[in-house]
Each structure stands twice: as C-alpha cells, then as structure tokens.
C-alpha cells in the first residue's frame, strides 16, 4: 500500500502498539468505522438534545449578556475538561480535544441563542 492510498477496511492491522497492555477495539478498520459511525449518530442526537435545552434556556435570560453567560461558559469548559481528564487513558490529550470541541460547540449555540432571543418577548409581571 502506498502512502497516498486509503487504508484497506477489510483486512487486519499493519501496525501494533508497543505497549503490551494495549487492548484492540476491533479486528478491522471497517469494524472500527462502523463503531465510529454509530457513535456519531449518538453524539449528534445528544448535541440536538443539548440544543433543545439551550433553546429553552433562552426564556430565562433578560439580555444579551445573560445569553452569552461568560461565567457559565467558563464553568462548562472546566467541567468537561475534568470529565475528559478522567478518561485520559482512552486517548492522549483528550482534555484538550474535548475543551476545544466544547468551545466551538458553545460558541455556535450562543450565536444561535442570540437569534432565538430576538424571537422572545418579555413577560410583564
């Protein structure tokens, strides 16, 4: 196989980890890709559920500052980094990956929530 070709998905591995304690997750790249695709479906469904919560949270915010909620964002980033750090044995650098992913995710949700905020009206006491 040359370096400019996609790897075969139906054959066994061509490399191994030196760590004797490493436990493979699948026998072929095709099996791994199927597992990744299934995980992606679950992840997207969970992101959609998070989006529904973010949308509903808009009802509780009085202004644009509360929509962006910088203190809450900082708490979320610290929390997900800690959660990822507890899983660091799964993948080196997972804390950095998760935090940067959440920073992008939250930025997208905040931008959308700003638009959703314009679709709300104040409830008069």
N, C-alpha and C. Protein backbone atom coordinates (compact mmCIF):
# COMPACT_ATOMS: atom_id res chain seq x y z
N UNK A 1 0.86 -1.17 0.00
CA UNK A 1 0.00 0.00 0.00
C UNK A 1 0.90 1.22 0.00
N UNK A 2 0.58 2.15 -0.87
CA UNK A 2 1.38 3.38 -0.93
C UNK A 2 0.81 4.41 0.03
N UNK A 3 1.60 5.41 0.35
CA UNK A 3 1.20 6.42 1.32
C UNK A 3 0.04 7.27 0.85
N UNK A 4 -0.23 7.31 -0.45
CA UNK A 4 -1.31 8.15 -0.96
C UNK A 4 -2.59 7.37 -1.23
N UNK A 5 -2.73 6.19 -0.66
CA UNK A 5 -3.94 5.39 -0.78
C UNK A 5 -4.64 5.28 0.57
N UNK A 6 -5.95 5.22 0.52
CA UNK A 6 -6.72 4.97 1.75
C UNK A 6 -6.39 3.56 2.24
N UNK A 7 -6.41 3.34 3.54
CA UNK A 7 -6.13 2.00 4.06
C UNK A 7 -7.28 1.04 3.76
N UNK A 8 -6.96 -0.22 3.67
CA UNK A 8 -7.96 -1.25 3.47
C UNK A 8 -8.85 -1.33 4.71
N UNK A 9 -10.14 -1.52 4.49
CA UNK A 9 -11.06 -1.60 5.63
C UNK A 9 -11.42 -3.04 6.00
N UNK A 10 -11.02 -4.00 5.18
CA UNK A 10 -11.43 -5.38 5.43
C UNK A 10 -10.33 -6.32 5.86
N UNK A 11 -9.13 -5.81 6.01
CA UNK A 11 -8.02 -6.68 6.40
C UNK A 11 -7.54 -6.32 7.80
N UNK A 12 -6.65 -7.13 8.31
CA UNK A 12 -6.11 -6.91 9.65
C UNK A 12 -5.17 -5.72 9.71
N UNK A 13 -4.72 -5.39 10.90
CA UNK A 13 -3.84 -4.24 11.09
C UNK A 13 -2.48 -4.44 10.44
N UNK A 14 -1.82 -3.33 10.12
CA UNK A 14 -0.48 -3.36 9.56
C UNK A 14 0.54 -2.81 10.56
N UNK A 15 0.06 -2.36 11.71
CA UNK A 15 0.92 -1.85 12.77
C UNK A 15 0.37 -2.33 14.12
N UNK A 16 1.20 -2.27 15.17
CA UNK A 16 0.75 -2.60 16.52
C UNK A 16 1.39 -1.63 17.50
N UNK A 17 0.73 -1.43 18.61
CA UNK A 17 1.29 -0.60 19.67
C UNK A 17 2.34 -1.41 20.42
N UNK A 18 3.40 -0.74 20.83
CA UNK A 18 4.47 -1.41 21.59
C UNK A 18 4.02 -1.80 22.99
N UNK A 19 3.06 -1.08 23.52
CA UNK A 19 2.56 -1.33 24.88
C UNK A 19 1.86 -2.68 24.92
N UNK A 20 2.38 -3.65 25.66
CA UNK A 20 1.75 -4.98 25.71
C UNK A 20 0.37 -4.97 26.37
N UNK A 21 0.06 -3.92 27.12
CA UNK A 21 -1.24 -3.84 27.78
C UNK A 21 -2.33 -3.29 26.86
N UNK A 22 -1.97 -2.81 25.67
CA UNK A 22 -2.97 -2.24 24.77
C UNK A 22 -3.95 -3.33 24.34
N UNK A 23 -5.25 -3.01 24.41
CA UNK A 23 -6.30 -3.95 24.01
C UNK A 23 -7.00 -3.39 22.78
N UNK A 24 -6.91 -4.08 21.64
CA UNK A 24 -7.58 -3.61 20.43
C UNK A 24 -9.09 -3.54 20.60
N UNK A 25 -9.71 -2.62 19.86
CA UNK A 25 -11.15 -2.42 19.93
C UNK A 25 -11.87 -3.23 18.84
N UNK A 26 -11.17 -3.49 17.73
CA UNK A 26 -11.77 -4.21 16.61
C UNK A 26 -10.69 -4.94 15.83
N UNK A 27 -11.12 -5.84 14.95
CA UNK A 27 -10.18 -6.62 14.14
C UNK A 27 -9.87 -5.98 12.80
N UNK A 28 -10.77 -5.10 12.32
CA UNK A 28 -10.53 -4.44 11.03
C UNK A 28 -10.89 -2.96 11.13
N UNK A 29 -10.36 -2.19 10.21
CA UNK A 29 -10.68 -0.77 10.15
C UNK A 29 -12.16 -0.59 9.82
N UNK A 30 -12.72 -1.48 9.03
CA UNK A 30 -14.15 -1.41 8.72
C UNK A 30 -15.01 -1.54 9.96
N UNK A 31 -14.65 -2.45 10.87
CA UNK A 31 -15.37 -2.59 12.13
C UNK A 31 -15.27 -1.31 12.96
N UNK A 32 -14.08 -0.75 13.01
CA UNK A 32 -13.89 0.49 13.76
C UNK A 32 -14.72 1.63 13.17
N UNK A 33 -14.73 1.73 11.85
CA UNK A 33 -15.51 2.80 11.21
C UNK A 33 -17.00 2.63 11.48
N UNK A 34 -17.47 1.40 11.51
CA UNK A 34 -18.88 1.16 11.82
C UNK A 34 -19.18 1.60 13.25
N UNK A 35 -18.27 1.31 14.18
CA UNK A 35 -18.45 1.74 15.57
C UNK A 35 -18.42 3.26 15.67
N UNK A 36 -17.50 3.89 14.94
CA UNK A 36 -17.41 5.36 14.95
C UNK A 36 -18.68 5.97 14.37
N UNK A 37 -19.20 5.40 13.28
CA UNK A 37 -20.44 5.92 12.69
C UNK A 37 -21.60 5.81 13.67
N UNK A 38 -21.68 4.70 14.39
CA UNK A 38 -22.75 4.53 15.39
C UNK A 38 -22.59 5.54 16.52
N UNK A 39 -21.37 5.77 16.95
CA UNK A 39 -21.11 6.77 17.99
C UNK A 39 -21.49 8.17 17.49
N UNK A 40 -21.16 8.47 16.24
CA UNK A 40 -21.50 9.78 15.67
C UNK A 40 -23.01 10.01 15.69
N UNK A 41 -23.79 8.97 15.40
CA UNK A 41 -25.26 9.10 15.47
C UNK A 41 -25.70 9.47 16.88
N UNK A 42 -25.12 8.81 17.87
CA UNK A 42 -25.46 9.10 19.26
C UNK A 42 -25.01 10.50 19.66
N UNK A 43 -23.81 10.88 19.24
CA UNK A 43 -23.27 12.20 19.58
C UNK A 43 -24.15 13.30 18.99
N UNK A 44 -24.54 13.15 17.71
CA UNK A 44 -25.39 14.16 17.07
C UNK A 44 -26.74 14.25 17.77
N UNK A 45 -27.31 13.10 18.15
CA UNK A 45 -28.59 13.12 18.87
C UNK A 45 -28.43 13.83 20.22
N UNK A 46 -27.32 13.62 20.90
CA UNK A 46 -27.09 14.28 22.18
C UNK A 46 -26.86 15.78 22.00
N UNK A 47 -26.18 16.17 20.93
CA UNK A 47 -25.99 17.59 20.65
C UNK A 47 -27.34 18.24 20.35
N UNK A 48 -28.19 17.54 19.63
CA UNK A 48 -29.54 18.07 19.35
C UNK A 48 -30.32 18.24 20.65
N UNK A 49 -30.22 17.28 21.55
CA UNK A 49 -30.90 17.38 22.85
C UNK A 49 -30.34 18.55 23.65
N UNK A 50 -29.03 18.74 23.60
CA UNK A 50 -28.42 19.89 24.26
C UNK A 50 -28.96 21.18 23.65
N UNK A 51 -29.12 21.19 22.34
CA UNK A 51 -29.67 22.35 21.65
C UNK A 51 -31.09 22.68 22.10
N UNK A 52 -31.90 21.65 22.30
CA UNK A 52 -33.26 21.88 22.80
C UNK A 52 -33.22 22.55 24.18
N UNK A 53 -32.28 22.11 25.01
CA UNK A 53 -32.14 22.72 26.34
C UNK A 53 -31.66 24.17 26.23
N UNK A 54 -30.69 24.41 25.37
CA UNK A 54 -30.19 25.78 25.17
C UNK A 54 -31.32 26.68 24.67
N UNK A 55 -32.10 26.16 23.73
CA UNK A 55 -33.21 26.97 23.21
C UNK A 55 -34.17 27.33 24.34
N UNK A 56 -34.51 26.38 25.16
CA UNK A 56 -35.45 26.65 26.25
C UNK A 56 -34.84 27.58 27.29
N UNK A 57 -33.52 27.49 27.49
CA UNK A 57 -32.85 28.37 28.45
C UNK A 57 -32.99 29.84 28.05
N UNK A 58 -33.19 30.10 26.77
CA UNK A 58 -33.36 31.48 26.30
C UNK A 58 -34.50 32.18 27.03
N UNK A 59 -35.53 31.43 27.41
CA UNK A 59 -36.70 32.01 28.09
C UNK A 59 -36.36 32.62 29.44
N UNK A 60 -35.23 32.23 30.02
CA UNK A 60 -34.87 32.66 31.36
C UNK A 60 -33.86 33.81 31.38
N UNK A 61 -33.53 34.34 30.21
CA UNK A 61 -32.47 35.35 30.11
C UNK A 61 -33.05 36.71 29.73
N UNK A 62 -32.58 37.72 30.45
CA UNK A 62 -33.15 39.06 30.30
C UNK A 62 -32.47 39.90 29.23
N UNK A 63 -31.21 39.57 28.88
CA UNK A 63 -30.49 40.42 27.93
C UNK A 63 -29.38 39.63 27.24
N UNK A 64 -28.66 40.31 26.33
CA UNK A 64 -27.61 39.65 25.54
C UNK A 64 -26.46 39.15 26.41
N UNK A 65 -26.13 39.88 27.48
CA UNK A 65 -25.06 39.43 28.37
C UNK A 65 -25.44 38.08 28.99
N UNK A 66 -26.68 37.96 29.42
CA UNK A 66 -27.12 36.71 30.02
C UNK A 66 -27.15 35.59 28.98
N UNK A 67 -27.40 35.92 27.72
CA UNK A 67 -27.35 34.90 26.67
C UNK A 67 -25.93 34.34 26.56
N UNK A 68 -24.93 35.22 26.55
CA UNK A 68 -23.56 34.73 26.40
C UNK A 68 -23.03 34.08 27.69
N UNK A 69 -23.49 34.54 28.85
CA UNK A 69 -23.17 33.95 30.15
C UNK A 69 -21.72 33.49 30.27
N UNK A 70 -20.77 34.44 30.23
CA UNK A 70 -19.35 34.05 30.24
C UNK A 70 -18.93 33.24 31.46
N UNK A 71 -19.48 33.52 32.62
CA UNK A 71 -19.12 32.74 33.81
C UNK A 71 -19.59 31.30 33.66
N UNK A 72 -20.79 31.11 33.13
CA UNK A 72 -21.31 29.76 32.90
C UNK A 72 -20.44 29.03 31.88
N UNK A 73 -20.04 29.74 30.82
CA UNK A 73 -19.18 29.11 29.82
C UNK A 73 -17.89 28.60 30.46
N UNK A 74 -17.28 29.43 31.30
CA UNK A 74 -16.03 29.03 31.96
C UNK A 74 -16.24 27.78 32.81
N UNK A 75 -17.38 27.70 33.51
CA UNK A 75 -17.68 26.52 34.31
C UNK A 75 -17.85 25.28 33.44
N UNK A 76 -18.53 25.44 32.32
CA UNK A 76 -18.73 24.30 31.39
C UNK A 76 -17.39 23.80 30.87
N UNK A 77 -16.52 24.73 30.45
CA UNK A 77 -15.23 24.31 29.90
C UNK A 77 -14.38 23.60 30.95
N UNK A 78 -14.38 24.11 32.17
CA UNK A 78 -13.62 23.46 33.24
C UNK A 78 -14.20 22.09 33.56
N UNK A 79 -15.52 21.99 33.57
CA UNK A 79 -16.18 20.73 33.91
C UNK A 79 -15.90 19.65 32.86
N UNK A 80 -16.04 20.00 31.57
CA UNK A 80 -15.82 18.99 30.53
C UNK A 80 -14.35 18.60 30.45
N UNK A 81 -13.46 19.55 30.73
CA UNK A 81 -12.03 19.21 30.76
C UNK A 81 -11.77 18.20 31.88
N UNK A 82 -12.36 18.42 33.03
CA UNK A 82 -12.18 17.48 34.14
C UNK A 82 -12.77 16.11 33.81
N UNK A 83 -13.94 16.11 33.18
CA UNK A 83 -14.54 14.83 32.78
C UNK A 83 -13.64 14.10 31.79
N UNK A 84 -13.08 14.84 30.84
CA UNK A 84 -12.20 14.23 29.84
C UNK A 84 -10.90 13.75 30.48
N UNK A 85 -10.39 14.50 31.42
CA UNK A 85 -9.14 14.11 32.08
C UNK A 85 -9.29 12.77 32.79
N UNK A 86 -10.48 12.51 33.29
CA UNK A 86 -10.74 11.22 33.94
C UNK A 86 -10.70 10.07 32.93
N UNK A 87 -10.80 10.41 31.64
CA UNK A 87 -10.78 9.40 30.57
C UNK A 87 -9.49 9.45 29.76
N UNK A 88 -8.49 10.13 30.28
CA UNK A 88 -7.24 10.38 29.55
C UNK A 88 -6.58 9.10 29.06
N UNK A 89 -6.80 7.98 29.76
CA UNK A 89 -6.19 6.72 29.32
C UNK A 89 -6.78 6.25 27.99
N UNK A 90 -7.96 6.73 27.61
CA UNK A 90 -8.58 6.32 26.35
C UNK A 90 -7.85 6.92 25.15
N UNK A 91 -7.39 8.17 25.30
CA UNK A 91 -6.74 8.85 24.18
C UNK A 91 -5.90 9.99 24.73
N UNK A 92 -4.61 10.02 24.43
CA UNK A 92 -3.74 11.09 24.94
C UNK A 92 -4.21 12.47 24.48
N UNK A 93 -4.23 13.42 25.39
CA UNK A 93 -4.64 14.78 25.03
C UNK A 93 -6.14 14.96 24.95
N UNK A 94 -6.90 14.02 25.48
CA UNK A 94 -8.35 14.09 25.38
C UNK A 94 -8.91 15.36 26.01
N UNK A 95 -8.33 15.82 27.12
CA UNK A 95 -8.80 17.05 27.76
C UNK A 95 -8.74 18.24 26.82
N UNK A 96 -7.64 18.38 26.09
CA UNK A 96 -7.51 19.48 25.13
C UNK A 96 -8.53 19.35 24.00
N UNK A 97 -8.70 18.14 23.51
CA UNK A 97 -9.64 17.90 22.40
C UNK A 97 -11.06 18.23 22.83
N UNK A 98 -11.45 17.74 23.99
CA UNK A 98 -12.81 17.97 24.48
C UNK A 98 -13.05 19.45 24.75
N UNK A 99 -12.10 20.10 25.40
CA UNK A 99 -12.29 21.52 25.69
C UNK A 99 -12.40 22.34 24.40
N UNK A 100 -11.53 22.09 23.43
CA UNK A 100 -11.61 22.87 22.19
C UNK A 100 -12.90 22.57 21.43
N UNK A 101 -13.35 21.32 21.49
CA UNK A 101 -14.62 20.96 20.85
C UNK A 101 -15.76 21.70 21.51
N UNK A 102 -15.77 21.73 22.84
CA UNK A 102 -16.83 22.43 23.56
C UNK A 102 -16.78 23.93 23.35
N UNK A 103 -15.60 24.49 23.21
CA UNK A 103 -15.52 25.93 22.94
C UNK A 103 -16.20 26.24 21.61
N UNK A 104 -15.97 25.41 20.61
CA UNK A 104 -16.62 25.60 19.31
C UNK A 104 -18.12 25.36 19.42
N UNK A 105 -18.51 24.29 20.10
CA UNK A 105 -19.91 23.95 20.28
C UNK A 105 -20.67 25.07 20.98
N UNK A 106 -20.12 25.55 22.09
CA UNK A 106 -20.78 26.60 22.87
C UNK A 106 -20.85 27.90 22.06
N UNK A 107 -19.80 28.23 21.33
CA UNK A 107 -19.83 29.45 20.51
C UNK A 107 -20.96 29.37 19.49
N UNK A 108 -21.16 28.21 18.88
CA UNK A 108 -22.25 28.04 17.94
C UNK A 108 -23.61 28.16 18.60
N UNK A 109 -23.76 27.55 19.76
CA UNK A 109 -25.02 27.64 20.48
C UNK A 109 -25.31 29.06 20.93
N UNK A 110 -24.30 29.77 21.42
CA UNK A 110 -24.51 31.16 21.86
C UNK A 110 -24.92 32.03 20.67
N UNK A 111 -24.27 31.85 19.54
CA UNK A 111 -24.64 32.63 18.34
C UNK A 111 -26.08 32.35 17.94
N UNK A 112 -26.48 31.10 17.98
CA UNK A 112 -27.86 30.75 17.64
C UNK A 112 -28.84 31.26 18.68
N UNK A 113 -28.42 31.19 19.95
CA UNK A 113 -29.30 31.64 21.02
C UNK A 113 -29.54 33.15 20.93
N UNK A 114 -28.55 33.89 20.44
CA UNK A 114 -28.75 35.33 20.25
C UNK A 114 -29.90 35.58 19.27
N UNK A 115 -29.94 34.77 18.20
CA UNK A 115 -31.05 34.89 17.24
C UNK A 115 -32.37 34.46 17.87
N UNK A 116 -32.33 33.38 18.63
CA UNK A 116 -33.54 32.91 19.31
C UNK A 116 -34.05 33.93 20.31
N UNK A 117 -33.13 34.63 20.96
CA UNK A 117 -33.51 35.67 21.94
C UNK A 117 -34.38 36.72 21.27
N UNK A 118 -34.07 37.05 20.02
CA UNK A 118 -34.86 38.04 19.29
C UNK A 118 -36.28 37.56 18.98
N UNK A 119 -36.49 36.25 19.11
CA UNK A 119 -37.82 35.68 18.87
C UNK A 119 -38.64 35.58 20.15
N UNK A 120 -38.09 36.10 21.24
CA UNK A 120 -38.82 36.07 22.51
C UNK A 120 -39.32 37.45 22.85
N UNK A 121 -40.24 37.48 23.80
CA UNK A 121 -40.73 38.77 24.31
C UNK A 121 -40.74 38.70 25.82
N UNK A 122 -40.59 39.84 26.42
CA UNK A 122 -40.56 39.94 27.88
C UNK A 122 -41.93 39.63 28.45
N UNK A 123 -41.94 38.88 29.53
CA UNK A 123 -43.18 38.61 30.25
C UNK A 123 -43.35 39.73 31.29
N UNK A 124 -44.41 40.45 31.18
CA UNK A 124 -44.67 41.55 32.13
C UNK A 124 -45.24 40.99 33.44
N UNK A 125 -44.72 41.48 34.57
CA UNK A 125 -45.20 40.97 35.87
C UNK A 125 -46.65 41.36 36.14
